[in-house]
Amino acid sequence: MSTDKKDAPVDGAAVRATTQMAKTALQGDGKPEAPKRSSAELAADIVKNREAIAANLDALEYKLNVPKQAKLAAAEISNKIRVLRDENPVALAAGVGGLAVAVGGAVFLVVRAISRR
């Protein structure tokens, strides 16, 4: 199950061929005529369609699985922090210090607002 599937582009040649087959099948007495295809061609089409449906279901599952998306986002942030720590520890320390000052300031303002009531 692949998780990096995108919307597949429409194959113009296949659409034209299908349209032409439909036009040809409807000519005559108005009843559609079954296309002349071998069982191997039909089996190949069935396999191709099953793979396309499976890919679409995989993409939907990937996009709609919120806990999985949260875990992937947390892992990505963790990896970025690890890379920053290895490449530039001073920037990481400054970022952590800035975050601590911001959180401390927010807590201070909340406590101050509550105590003035």
PDB file of N, CA and C in Angstrom:
ATOM      1  N   MET A   1       0.836  -1.175   0.000  1.00  0.00           N
ATOM      2  CA  MET A   1       0.000   0.000   0.000  1.00  0.00           C
ATOM      3  C   MET A   1       0.874   1.229   0.000  1.00  0.00           C
ATOM      4  N   SER A   2       0.888   1.907  -1.078  1.00  0.00           N
ATOM      5  CA  SER A   2       1.695   3.112  -1.184  1.00  0.00           C
ATOM      6  C   SER A   2       0.900   4.293  -0.646  1.00  0.00           C
ATOM      7  N   THR A   3       1.589   5.245  -0.034  1.00  0.00           N
ATOM      8  CA  THR A   3       0.910   6.386   0.551  1.00  0.00           C
ATOM      9  C   THR A   3       1.221   7.679  -0.149  1.00  0.00           C
ATOM     10  N   ASP A   4       1.982   7.642  -1.204  1.00  0.00           N
ATOM     11  CA  ASP A   4       2.333   8.882  -1.877  1.00  0.00           C
ATOM     12  C   ASP A   4       1.669   8.978  -3.242  1.00  0.00           C
ATOM     13  N   LYS A   5       0.465   8.468  -3.348  1.00  0.00           N
ATOM     14  CA  LYS A   5      -0.240   8.497  -4.623  1.00  0.00           C
ATOM     15  C   LYS A   5      -0.882   9.870  -4.809  1.00  0.00           C
ATOM     16  N   LYS A   6      -0.810  10.360  -6.018  1.00  0.00           N
ATOM     17  CA  LYS A   6      -1.454  11.622  -6.383  1.00  0.00           C
ATOM     18  C   LYS A   6      -2.528  11.297  -7.406  1.00  0.00           C
ATOM     19  N   ASP A   7      -3.326  12.311  -7.755  1.00  0.00           N
ATOM     20  CA  ASP A   7      -4.331  12.115  -8.787  1.00  0.00           C
ATOM     21  C   ASP A   7      -3.632  11.821 -10.102  1.00  0.00           C
ATOM     22  N   ALA A   8      -3.987  10.706 -10.704  1.00  0.00           N
ATOM     23  CA  ALA A   8      -3.362  10.295 -11.959  1.00  0.00           C
ATOM     24  C   ALA A   8      -3.931  11.148 -13.093  1.00  0.00           C
ATOM     25  N   PRO A   9      -3.083  11.568 -14.035  1.00  0.00           N
ATOM     26  CA  PRO A   9      -3.602  12.332 -15.167  1.00  0.00           C
ATOM     27  C   PRO A   9      -4.450  11.441 -16.064  1.00  0.00           C
ATOM     28  N   VAL A  10      -5.411  12.049 -16.729  1.00  0.00           N
ATOM     29  CA  VAL A  10      -6.300  11.302 -17.608  1.00  0.00           C
ATOM     30  C   VAL A  10      -5.540  10.973 -18.887  1.00  0.00           C
ATOM     31  N   ASP A  11      -5.631   9.723 -19.298  1.00  0.00           N
ATOM     32  CA  ASP A  11      -4.967   9.272 -20.516  1.00  0.00           C
ATOM     33  C   ASP A  11      -5.866   9.607 -21.696  1.00  0.00           C
ATOM     34  N   GLY A  12      -5.499  10.639 -22.449  1.00  0.00           N
ATOM     35  CA  GLY A  12      -6.319  11.117 -23.555  1.00  0.00           C
ATOM     36  C   GLY A  12      -6.528  10.070 -24.622  1.00  0.00           C
ATOM     37  N   ALA A  13      -5.491   9.287 -24.917  1.00  0.00           N
ATOM     38  CA  ALA A  13      -5.613   8.254 -25.945  1.00  0.00           C
ATOM     39  C   ALA A  13      -6.637   7.201 -25.536  1.00  0.00           C
ATOM     40  N   ALA A  14      -6.643   6.840 -24.275  1.00  0.00           N
ATOM     41  CA  ALA A  14      -7.595   5.837 -23.799  1.00  0.00           C
ATOM     42  C   ALA A  14      -9.020   6.376 -23.869  1.00  0.00           C
ATOM     43  N   VAL A  15      -9.189   7.649 -23.537  1.00  0.00           N
ATOM     44  CA  VAL A  15     -10.525   8.252 -23.598  1.00  0.00           C
ATOM     45  C   VAL A  15     -11.016   8.291 -25.042  1.00  0.00           C
ATOM     46  N   ARG A  16     -10.134   8.689 -25.970  1.00  0.00           N
ATOM     47  CA  ARG A  16     -10.528   8.732 -27.380  1.00  0.00           C
ATOM     48  C   ARG A  16     -10.866   7.336 -27.900  1.00  0.00           C
ATOM     49  N   ALA A  17     -10.076   6.356 -27.514  1.00  0.00           N
ATOM     50  CA  ALA A  17     -10.331   4.987 -27.972  1.00  0.00           C
ATOM     51  C   ALA A  17     -11.656   4.481 -27.426  1.00  0.00           C
ATOM     52  N   THR A  18     -11.945   4.762 -26.177  1.00  0.00           N
ATOM     53  CA  THR A  18     -13.205   4.328 -25.578  1.00  0.00           C
ATOM     54  C   THR A  18     -14.383   5.021 -26.255  1.00  0.00           C
ATOM     55  N   THR A  19     -14.235   6.319 -26.505  1.00  0.00           N
ATOM     56  CA  THR A  19     -15.299   7.061 -27.181  1.00  0.00           C
ATOM     57  C   THR A  19     -15.539   6.504 -28.576  1.00  0.00           C
ATOM     58  N   GLN A  20     -14.471   6.225 -29.302  1.00  0.00           N
ATOM     59  CA  GLN A  20     -14.602   5.677 -30.654  1.00  0.00           C
ATOM     60  C   GLN A  20     -15.262   4.307 -30.616  1.00  0.00           C
ATOM     61  N   MET A  21     -14.896   3.473 -29.654  1.00  0.00           N
ATOM     62  CA  MET A  21     -15.514   2.147 -29.540  1.00  0.00           C
ATOM     63  C   MET A  21     -17.009   2.289 -29.257  1.00  0.00           C
ATOM     64  N   ALA A  22     -17.376   3.262 -28.403  1.00  0.00           N
ATOM     65  CA  ALA A  22     -18.787   3.448 -28.081  1.00  0.00           C
ATOM     66  C   ALA A  22     -19.560   3.919 -29.305  1.00  0.00           C
ATOM     67  N   LYS A  23     -18.966   4.845 -30.080  1.00  0.00           N
ATOM     68  CA  LYS A  23     -19.635   5.324 -31.295  1.00  0.00           C
ATOM     69  C   LYS A  23     -19.811   4.183 -32.293  1.00  0.00           C
ATOM     70  N   THR A  24     -18.773   3.396 -32.474  1.00  0.00           N
ATOM     71  CA  THR A  24     -18.827   2.276 -33.406  1.00  0.00           C
ATOM     72  C   THR A  24     -19.864   1.248 -32.954  1.00  0.00           C
ATOM     73  N   ALA A  25     -19.923   1.002 -31.664  1.00  0.00           N
ATOM     74  CA  ALA A  25     -20.853   0.001 -31.142  1.00  0.00           C
ATOM     75  C   ALA A  25     -22.297   0.447 -31.301  1.00  0.00           C
ATOM     76  N   LEU A  26     -22.561   1.757 -31.268  1.00  0.00           N
ATOM     77  CA  LEU A  26     -23.932   2.253 -31.354  1.00  0.00           C
ATOM     78  C   LEU A  26     -24.411   2.411 -32.794  1.00  0.00           C
ATOM     79  N   GLN A  27     -23.538   2.309 -33.761  1.00  0.00           N
ATOM     80  CA  GLN A  27     -23.952   2.436 -35.151  1.00  0.00           C
ATOM     81  C   GLN A  27     -24.683   1.164 -35.589  1.00  0.00           C
ATOM     82  N   GLY A  28     -25.557   1.327 -36.505  1.00  0.00           N
ATOM     83  CA  GLY A  28     -26.290   0.154 -37.003  1.00  0.00           C
ATOM     84  C   GLY A  28     -27.703   0.176 -36.494  1.00  0.00           C
ATOM     85  N   ASP A  29     -28.122  -0.895 -35.802  1.00  0.00           N
ATOM     86  CA  ASP A  29     -29.506  -1.017 -35.378  1.00  0.00           C
ATOM     87  C   ASP A  29     -29.775  -0.358 -34.027  1.00  0.00           C
ATOM     88  N   GLY A  30     -28.834   0.365 -33.486  1.00  0.00           N
ATOM     89  CA  GLY A  30     -29.039   1.069 -32.226  1.00  0.00           C
ATOM     90  C   GLY A  30     -28.673   0.259 -30.999  1.00  0.00           C
ATOM     91  N   LYS A  31     -28.431  -1.010 -31.181  1.00  0.00           N
ATOM     92  CA  LYS A  31     -28.029  -1.837 -30.053  1.00  0.00           C
ATOM     93  C   LYS A  31     -26.510  -1.842 -29.948  1.00  0.00           C
ATOM     94  N   PRO A  32     -25.991  -1.629 -28.763  1.00  0.00           N
ATOM     95  CA  PRO A  32     -24.535  -1.652 -28.631  1.00  0.00           C
ATOM     96  C   PRO A  32     -23.986  -3.044 -28.906  1.00  0.00           C
ATOM     97  N   GLU A  33     -22.898  -3.064 -29.600  1.00  0.00           N
ATOM     98  CA  GLU A  33     -22.248  -4.324 -29.939  1.00  0.00           C
ATOM     99  C   GLU A  33     -21.081  -4.526 -28.985  1.00  0.00           C
ATOM    100  N   ALA A  34     -20.935  -5.730 -28.492  1.00  0.00           N
ATOM    101  CA  ALA A  34     -19.838  -6.002 -27.560  1.00  0.00           C
ATOM    102  C   ALA A  34     -18.501  -5.838 -28.279  1.00  0.00           C
ATOM    103  N   PRO A  35     -17.568  -5.121 -27.672  1.00  0.00           N
ATOM    104  CA  PRO A  35     -16.264  -4.964 -28.320  1.00  0.00           C
ATOM    105  C   PRO A  35     -15.564  -6.312 -28.428  1.00  0.00           C
ATOM    106  N   LYS A  36     -14.817  -6.480 -29.493  1.00  0.00           N
ATOM    107  CA  LYS A  36     -14.091  -7.737 -29.722  1.00  0.00           C
ATOM    108  C   LYS A  36     -12.790  -7.673 -28.943  1.00  0.00           C
ATOM    109  N   ARG A  37     -12.780  -8.307 -27.792  1.00  0.00           N
ATOM    110  CA  ARG A  37     -11.582  -8.295 -26.952  1.00  0.00           C
ATOM    111  C   ARG A  37     -11.328  -9.705 -26.443  1.00  0.00           C
ATOM    112  N   SER A  38     -10.079 -10.022 -26.322  1.00  0.00           N
ATOM    113  CA  SER A  38      -9.728 -11.357 -25.847  1.00  0.00           C
ATOM    114  C   SER A  38      -9.866 -11.412 -24.329  1.00  0.00           C
ATOM    115  N   SER A  39      -9.911 -12.616 -23.816  1.00  0.00           N
ATOM    116  CA  SER A  39     -10.015 -12.772 -22.362  1.00  0.00           C
ATOM    117  C   SER A  39      -8.756 -12.266 -21.669  1.00  0.00           C
ATOM    118  N   ALA A  40      -7.612 -12.336 -22.351  1.00  0.00           N
ATOM    119  CA  ALA A  40      -6.374 -11.813 -21.765  1.00  0.00           C
ATOM    120  C   ALA A  40      -6.438 -10.293 -21.633  1.00  0.00           C
ATOM    121  N   GLU A  41      -7.017  -9.625 -22.648  1.00  0.00           N
ATOM    122  CA  GLU A  41      -7.169  -8.168 -22.575  1.00  0.00           C
ATOM    123  C   GLU A  41      -8.129  -7.784 -21.462  1.00  0.00           C
ATOM    124  N   LEU A  42      -9.214  -8.524 -21.357  1.00  0.00           N
ATOM    125  CA  LEU A  42     -10.170  -8.247 -20.276  1.00  0.00           C
ATOM    126  C   LEU A  42      -9.537  -8.466 -18.909  1.00  0.00           C
ATOM    127  N   ALA A  43      -8.773  -9.537 -18.760  1.00  0.00           N
ATOM    128  CA  ALA A  43      -8.110  -9.812 -17.485  1.00  0.00           C
ATOM    129  C   ALA A  43      -7.098  -8.717 -17.160  1.00  0.00           C
ATOM    130  N   ALA A  44      -6.380  -8.234 -18.164  1.00  0.00           N
ATOM    131  CA  ALA A  44      -5.407  -7.160 -17.937  1.00  0.00           C
ATOM    132  C   ALA A  44      -6.113  -5.881 -17.510  1.00  0.00           C
ATOM    133  N   ASP A  45      -7.258  -5.588 -18.143  1.00  0.00           N
ATOM    134  CA  ASP A  45      -8.029  -4.411 -17.758  1.00  0.00           C
ATOM    135  C   ASP A  45      -8.554  -4.526 -16.332  1.00  0.00           C
ATOM    136  N   ILE A  46      -9.003  -5.707 -15.974  1.00  0.00           N
ATOM    137  CA  ILE A  46      -9.513  -5.925 -14.616  1.00  0.00           C
ATOM    138  C   ILE A  46      -8.404  -5.695 -13.597  1.00  0.00           C
ATOM    139  N   VAL A  47      -7.225  -6.231 -13.866  1.00  0.00           N
ATOM    140  CA  VAL A  47      -6.089  -6.047 -12.951  1.00  0.00           C
ATOM    141  C   VAL A  47      -5.734  -4.569 -12.846  1.00  0.00           C
ATOM    142  N   LYS A  48      -5.685  -3.882 -14.000  1.00  0.00           N
ATOM    143  CA  LYS A  48      -5.344  -2.452 -14.012  1.00  0.00           C
ATOM    144  C   LYS A  48      -6.369  -1.645 -13.213  1.00  0.00           C
ATOM    145  N   ASN A  49      -7.655  -1.943 -13.399  1.00  0.00           N
ATOM    146  CA  ASN A  49      -8.712  -1.228 -12.677  1.00  0.00           C
ATOM    147  C   ASN A  49      -8.658  -1.508 -11.186  1.00  0.00           C
ATOM    148  N   ARG A  50      -8.382  -2.753 -10.811  1.00  0.00           N
ATOM    149  CA  ARG A  50      -8.257  -3.081  -9.383  1.00  0.00           C
ATOM    150  C   ARG A  50      -7.107  -2.317  -8.753  1.00  0.00           C
ATOM    151  N   GLU A  51      -5.979  -2.216  -9.470  1.00  0.00           N
ATOM    152  CA  GLU A  51      -4.828  -1.477  -8.950  1.00  0.00           C
ATOM    153  C   GLU A  51      -5.159   0.004  -8.803  1.00  0.00           C
ATOM    154  N   ALA A  52      -5.898   0.558  -9.760  1.00  0.00           N
ATOM    155  CA  ALA A  52      -6.281   1.967  -9.684  1.00  0.00           C
ATOM    156  C   ALA A  52      -7.215   2.212  -8.498  1.00  0.00           C
ATOM    157  N   ILE A  53      -8.165   1.322  -8.296  1.00  0.00           N
ATOM    158  CA  ILE A  53      -9.085   1.461  -7.162  1.00  0.00           C
ATOM    159  C   ILE A  53      -8.325   1.330  -5.851  1.00  0.00           C
ATOM    160  N   ALA A  54      -7.410   0.377  -5.775  1.00  0.00           N
ATOM    161  CA  ALA A  54      -6.618   0.207  -4.550  1.00  0.00           C
ATOM    162  C   ALA A  54      -5.768   1.441  -4.274  1.00  0.00           C
ATOM    163  N   ALA A  55      -5.201   2.030  -5.317  1.00  0.00           N
ATOM    164  CA  ALA A  55      -4.395   3.238  -5.138  1.00  0.00           C
ATOM    165  C   ALA A  55      -5.262   4.396  -4.635  1.00  0.00           C
ATOM    166  N   ASN A  56      -6.473   4.522  -5.174  1.00  0.00           N
ATOM    167  CA  ASN A  56      -7.377   5.577  -4.709  1.00  0.00           C
ATOM    168  C   ASN A  56      -7.778   5.360  -3.261  1.00  0.00           C
ATOM    169  N   LEU A  57      -8.064   4.126  -2.894  1.00  0.00           N
ATOM    170  CA  LEU A  57      -8.431   3.835  -1.505  1.00  0.00           C
ATOM    171  C   LEU A  57      -7.259   4.107  -0.562  1.00  0.00           C
ATOM    172  N   ASP A  58      -6.044   3.763  -0.993  1.00  0.00           N
ATOM    173  CA  ASP A  58      -4.856   4.051  -0.185  1.00  0.00           C
ATOM    174  C   ASP A  58      -4.697   5.552   0.026  1.00  0.00           C
ATOM    175  N   ALA A  59      -4.899   6.325  -1.031  1.00  0.00           N
ATOM    176  CA  ALA A  59      -4.762   7.782  -0.926  1.00  0.00           C
ATOM    177  C   ALA A  59      -5.817   8.355   0.009  1.00  0.00           C
ATOM    178  N   LEU A  60      -7.046   7.860  -0.086  1.00  0.00           N
ATOM    179  CA  LEU A  60      -8.101   8.322   0.815  1.00  0.00           C
ATOM    180  C   LEU A  60      -7.781   7.969   2.263  1.00  0.00           C
ATOM    181  N   GLU A  61      -7.341   6.741   2.484  1.00  0.00           N
ATOM    182  CA  GLU A  61      -6.997   6.322   3.841  1.00  0.00           C
ATOM    183  C   GLU A  61      -5.883   7.196   4.399  1.00  0.00           C
ATOM    184  N   TYR A  62      -4.898   7.470   3.588  1.00  0.00           N
ATOM    185  CA  TYR A  62      -3.763   8.281   4.031  1.00  0.00           C
ATOM    186  C   TYR A  62      -4.213   9.691   4.412  1.00  0.00           C
ATOM    187  N   LYS A  63      -5.070  10.298   3.601  1.00  0.00           N
ATOM    188  CA  LYS A  63      -5.501  11.667   3.856  1.00  0.00           C
ATOM    189  C   LYS A  63      -6.475  11.768   5.016  1.00  0.00           C
ATOM    190  N   LEU A  64      -7.297  10.759   5.235  1.00  0.00           N
ATOM    191  CA  LEU A  64      -8.340  10.838   6.250  1.00  0.00           C
ATOM    192  C   LEU A  64      -7.944  10.240   7.596  1.00  0.00           C
ATOM    193  N   ASN A  65      -6.784   9.648   7.711  1.00  0.00           N
ATOM    194  CA  ASN A  65      -6.343   9.038   8.948  1.00  0.00           C
ATOM    195  C   ASN A  65      -5.635  10.100   9.799  1.00  0.00           C
ATOM    196  N   VAL A  66      -6.415  10.814  10.623  1.00  0.00           N
ATOM    197  CA  VAL A  66      -5.895  11.946  11.399  1.00  0.00           C
ATOM    198  C   VAL A  66      -4.830  11.502  12.410  1.00  0.00           C
ATOM    199  N   PRO A  67      -5.021  10.440  13.177  1.00  0.00           N
ATOM    200  CA  PRO A  67      -3.959  10.048  14.104  1.00  0.00           C
ATOM    201  C   PRO A  67      -2.643   9.726  13.395  1.00  0.00           C
ATOM    202  N   LYS A  68      -2.734   9.090  12.247  1.00  0.00           N
ATOM    203  CA  LYS A  68      -1.529   8.768  11.487  1.00  0.00           C
ATOM    204  C   LYS A  68      -0.859  10.052  10.993  1.00  0.00           C
ATOM    205  N   GLN A  69      -1.670  11.013  10.523  1.00  0.00           N
ATOM    206  CA  GLN A  69      -1.131  12.290  10.068  1.00  0.00           C
ATOM    207  C   GLN A  69      -0.453  13.029  11.226  1.00  0.00           C
ATOM    208  N   ALA A  70      -1.048  12.974  12.423  1.00  0.00           N
ATOM    209  CA  ALA A  70      -0.449  13.628  13.591  1.00  0.00           C
ATOM    210  C   ALA A  70       0.887  12.980  13.956  1.00  0.00           C
ATOM    211  N   LYS A  71       0.944  11.646  13.910  1.00  0.00           N
ATOM    212  CA  LYS A  71       2.202  10.953  14.200  1.00  0.00           C
ATOM    213  C   LYS A  71       3.282  11.309  13.185  1.00  0.00           C
ATOM    214  N   LEU A  72       2.888  11.385  11.907  1.00  0.00           N
ATOM    215  CA  LEU A  72       3.853  11.740  10.869  1.00  0.00           C
ATOM    216  C   LEU A  72       4.352  13.175  11.049  1.00  0.00           C
ATOM    217  N   ALA A  73       3.461  14.087  11.422  1.00  0.00           N
ATOM    218  CA  ALA A  73       3.861  15.475  11.641  1.00  0.00           C
ATOM    219  C   ALA A  73       4.798  15.571  12.843  1.00  0.00           C
ATOM    220  N   ALA A  74       4.495  14.841  13.915  1.00  0.00           N
ATOM    221  CA  ALA A  74       5.365  14.850  15.097  1.00  0.00           C
ATOM    222  C   ALA A  74       6.737  14.273  14.762  1.00  0.00           C
ATOM    223  N   ALA A  75       6.775  13.215  13.988  1.00  0.00           N
ATOM    224  CA  ALA A  75       8.056  12.623  13.591  1.00  0.00           C
ATOM    225  C   ALA A  75       8.861  13.585  12.721  1.00  0.00           C
ATOM    226  N   GLU A  76       8.180  14.307  11.840  1.00  0.00           N
ATOM    227  CA  GLU A  76       8.865  15.269  10.974  1.00  0.00           C
ATOM    228  C   GLU A  76       9.453  16.415  11.804  1.00  0.00           C
ATOM    229  N   ILE A  77       8.691  16.928  12.761  1.00  0.00           N
ATOM    230  CA  ILE A  77       9.196  17.998  13.625  1.00  0.00           C
ATOM    231  C   ILE A  77      10.367  17.489  14.450  1.00  0.00           C
ATOM    232  N   SER A  78      10.250  16.287  14.965  1.00  0.00           N
ATOM    233  CA  SER A  78      11.339  15.698  15.748  1.00  0.00           C
ATOM    234  C   SER A  78      12.611  15.571  14.914  1.00  0.00           C
ATOM    235  N   ASN A  79      12.459  15.143  13.672  1.00  0.00           N
ATOM    236  CA  ASN A  79      13.625  15.025  12.786  1.00  0.00           C
ATOM    237  C   ASN A  79      14.243  16.386  12.494  1.00  0.00           C
ATOM    238  N   LYS A  80      13.406  17.407  12.291  1.00  0.00           N
ATOM    239  CA  LYS A  80      13.926  18.748  12.033  1.00  0.00           C
ATOM    240  C   LYS A  80      14.697  19.275  13.243  1.00  0.00           C
ATOM    241  N   ILE A  81      14.179  19.025  14.439  1.00  0.00           N
ATOM    242  CA  ILE A  81      14.879  19.459  15.656  1.00  0.00           C
ATOM    243  C   ILE A  81      16.201  18.720  15.791  1.00  0.00           C
ATOM    244  N   ARG A  82      16.194  17.442  15.499  1.00  0.00           N
ATOM    245  CA  ARG A  82      17.420  16.654  15.590  1.00  0.00           C
ATOM    246  C   ARG A  82      18.481  17.168  14.601  1.00  0.00           C
ATOM    247  N   VAL A  83      18.054  17.482  13.395  1.00  0.00           N
ATOM    248  CA  VAL A  83      18.983  18.016  12.388  1.00  0.00           C
ATOM    249  C   VAL A  83      19.504  19.370  12.829  1.00  0.00           C
ATOM    250  N   LEU A  84      18.626  20.218  13.346  1.00  0.00           N
ATOM    251  CA  LEU A  84      19.050  21.537  13.829  1.00  0.00           C
ATOM    252  C   LEU A  84      20.029  21.401  14.989  1.00  0.00           C
ATOM    253  N   ARG A  85      19.778  20.461  15.883  1.00  0.00           N
ATOM    254  CA  ARG A  85      20.681  20.235  17.016  1.00  0.00           C
ATOM    255  C   ARG A  85      22.069  19.808  16.532  1.00  0.00           C
ATOM    256  N   ASP A  86      22.094  18.967  15.515  1.00  0.00           N
ATOM    257  CA  ASP A  86      23.379  18.490  15.008  1.00  0.00           C
ATOM    258  C   ASP A  86      24.112  19.562  14.201  1.00  0.00           C
ATOM    259  N   GLU A  87      23.377  20.344  13.418  1.00  0.00           N
ATOM    260  CA  GLU A  87      24.015  21.312  12.531  1.00  0.00           C
ATOM    261  C   GLU A  87      24.282  22.660  13.194  1.00  0.00           C
ATOM    262  N   ASN A  88      23.373  23.121  14.067  1.00  0.00           N
ATOM    263  CA  ASN A  88      23.524  24.442  14.664  1.00  0.00           C
ATOM    264  C   ASN A  88      22.915  24.449  16.062  1.00  0.00           C
ATOM    265  N   PRO A  89      23.665  23.960  17.063  1.00  0.00           N
ATOM    266  CA  PRO A  89      23.109  23.882  18.413  1.00  0.00           C
ATOM    267  C   PRO A  89      22.828  25.246  19.033  1.00  0.00           C
ATOM    268  N   VAL A  90      23.560  26.292  18.618  1.00  0.00           N
ATOM    269  CA  VAL A  90      23.319  27.628  19.170  1.00  0.00           C
ATOM    270  C   VAL A  90      21.941  28.126  18.743  1.00  0.00           C
ATOM    271  N   ALA A  91      21.552  27.914  17.491  1.00  0.00           N
ATOM    272  CA  ALA A  91      20.232  28.325  17.018  1.00  0.00           C
ATOM    273  C   ALA A  91      19.138  27.559  17.746  1.00  0.00           C
ATOM    274  N   LEU A  92      19.363  26.289  17.998  1.00  0.00           N
ATOM    275  CA  LEU A  92      18.385  25.493  18.742  1.00  0.00           C
ATOM    276  C   LEU A  92      18.222  26.036  20.154  1.00  0.00           C
ATOM    277  N   ALA A  93      19.345  26.349  20.823  1.00  0.00           N
ATOM    278  CA  ALA A  93      19.283  26.892  22.180  1.00  0.00           C
ATOM    279  C   ALA A  93      18.563  28.240  22.184  1.00  0.00           C
ATOM    280  N   ALA A  94      18.835  29.074  21.197  1.00  0.00           N
ATOM    281  CA  ALA A  94      18.159  30.365  21.118  1.00  0.00           C
ATOM    282  C   ALA A  94      16.657  30.179  20.894  1.00  0.00           C
ATOM    283  N   GLY A  95      16.286  29.234  20.051  1.00  0.00           N
ATOM    284  CA  GLY A  95      14.871  28.958  19.810  1.00  0.00           C
ATOM    285  C   GLY A  95      14.168  28.451  21.051  1.00  0.00           C
ATOM    286  N   VAL A  96      14.814  27.558  21.777  1.00  0.00           N
ATOM    287  CA  VAL A  96      14.223  27.025  23.008  1.00  0.00           C
ATOM    288  C   VAL A  96      14.092  28.144  24.038  1.00  0.00           C
ATOM    289  N   GLY A  97      15.126  28.981  24.136  1.00  0.00           N
ATOM    290  CA  GLY A  97      15.066  30.114  25.075  1.00  0.00           C
ATOM    291  C   GLY A  97      13.952  31.073  24.705  1.00  0.00           C
ATOM    292  N   GLY A  98      13.817  31.380  23.443  1.00  0.00           N
ATOM    293  CA  GLY A  98      12.735  32.264  23.001  1.00  0.00           C
ATOM    294  C   GLY A  98      11.368  31.683  23.278  1.00  0.00           C
ATOM    295  N   LEU A  99      11.227  30.399  23.067  1.00  0.00           N
ATOM    296  CA  LEU A  99       9.963  29.729  23.354  1.00  0.00           C
ATOM    297  C   LEU A  99       9.652  29.777  24.852  1.00  0.00           C
ATOM    298  N   ALA A 100      10.688  29.560  25.683  1.00  0.00           N
ATOM    299  CA  ALA A 100      10.491  29.611  27.135  1.00  0.00           C
ATOM    300  C   ALA A 100      10.071  31.009  27.572  1.00  0.00           C
ATOM    301  N   VAL A 101      10.683  32.043  27.012  1.00  0.00           N
ATOM    302  CA  VAL A 101      10.311  33.421  27.352  1.00  0.00           C
ATOM    303  C   VAL A 101       8.873  33.696  26.919  1.00  0.00           C
ATOM    304  N   ALA A 102       8.480  33.234  25.737  1.00  0.00           N
ATOM    305  CA  ALA A 102       7.118  33.463  25.258  1.00  0.00           C
ATOM    306  C   ALA A 102       6.093  32.767  26.149  1.00  0.00           C
ATOM    307  N   VAL A 103       6.352  31.512  26.503  1.00  0.00           N
ATOM    308  CA  VAL A 103       5.424  30.776  27.367  1.00  0.00           C
ATOM    309  C   VAL A 103       5.384  31.417  28.754  1.00  0.00           C
ATOM    310  N   GLY A 104       6.546  31.776  29.281  1.00  0.00           N
ATOM    311  CA  GLY A 104       6.586  32.432  30.597  1.00  0.00           C
ATOM    312  C   GLY A 104       5.835  33.747  30.581  1.00  0.00           C
ATOM    313  N   GLY A 105       5.998  34.531  29.522  1.00  0.00           N
ATOM    314  CA  GLY A 105       5.282  35.802  29.420  1.00  0.00           C
ATOM    315  C   GLY A 105       3.782  35.590  29.335  1.00  0.00           C
ATOM    316  N   ALA A 106       3.349  34.591  28.599  1.00  0.00           N
ATOM    317  CA  ALA A 106       1.916  34.304  28.494  1.00  0.00           C
ATOM    318  C   ALA A 106       1.351  33.878  29.840  1.00  0.00           C
ATOM    319  N   VAL A 107       2.076  33.031  30.563  1.00  0.00           N
ATOM    320  CA  VAL A 107       1.620  32.602  31.892  1.00  0.00           C
ATOM    321  C   VAL A 107       1.563  33.804  32.829  1.00  0.00           C
ATOM    322  N   PHE A 108       2.583  34.656  32.787  1.00  0.00           N
ATOM    323  CA  PHE A 108       2.614  35.849  33.630  1.00  0.00           C
ATOM    324  C   PHE A 108       1.401  36.727  33.362  1.00  0.00           C
ATOM    325  N   LEU A 109       1.076  36.966  32.086  1.00  0.00           N
ATOM    326  CA  LEU A 109      -0.055  37.827  31.754  1.00  0.00           C
ATOM    327  C   LEU A 109      -1.379  37.216  32.190  1.00  0.00           C
ATOM    328  N   VAL A 110      -1.517  35.899  32.052  1.00  0.00           N
ATOM    329  CA  VAL A 110      -2.757  35.240  32.481  1.00  0.00           C
ATOM    330  C   VAL A 110      -2.908  35.340  33.991  1.00  0.00           C
ATOM    331  N   VAL A 111      -1.830  35.076  34.739  1.00  0.00           N
ATOM    332  CA  VAL A 111      -1.891  35.162  36.205  1.00  0.00           C
ATOM    333  C   VAL A 111      -2.189  36.589  36.636  1.00  0.00           C
ATOM    334  N   ARG A 112      -1.570  37.535  35.983  1.00  0.00           N
ATOM    335  CA  ARG A 112      -1.776  38.951  36.326  1.00  0.00           C
ATOM    336  C   ARG A 112      -3.221  39.363  36.050  1.00  0.00           C
ATOM    337  N   ALA A 113      -3.781  38.917  34.934  1.00  0.00           N
ATOM    338  CA  ALA A 113      -5.175  39.243  34.608  1.00  0.00           C
ATOM    339  C   ALA A 113      -6.134  38.615  35.605  1.00  0.00           C
ATOM    340  N   ILE A 114      -5.858  37.396  36.031  1.00  0.00           N
ATOM    341  CA  ILE A 114      -6.721  36.714  36.990  1.00  0.00           C
ATOM    342  C   ILE A 114      -6.638  37.393  38.365  1.00  0.00           C
ATOM    343  N   SER A 115      -5.433  37.787  38.769  1.00  0.00           N
ATOM    344  CA  SER A 115      -5.270  38.386  40.102  1.00  0.00           C
ATOM    345  C   SER A 115      -5.865  39.783  40.183  1.00  0.00           C
ATOM    346  N   ARG A 116      -6.085  40.491  39.098  1.00  0.00           N
ATOM    347  CA  ARG A 116      -6.657  41.827  39.110  1.00  0.00           C
ATOM    348  C   ARG A 116      -8.164  41.818  39.151  1.00  0.00           C
ATOM    349  N   ARG A 117      -8.801  40.736  39.130  1.00  0.00           N
ATOM    350  CA  ARG A 117     -10.257  40.666  39.167  1.00  0.00           C
ATOM    351  C   ARG A 117     -10.794  40.978  40.502  1.00  0.00           C
TER     352      ARG A 117
END
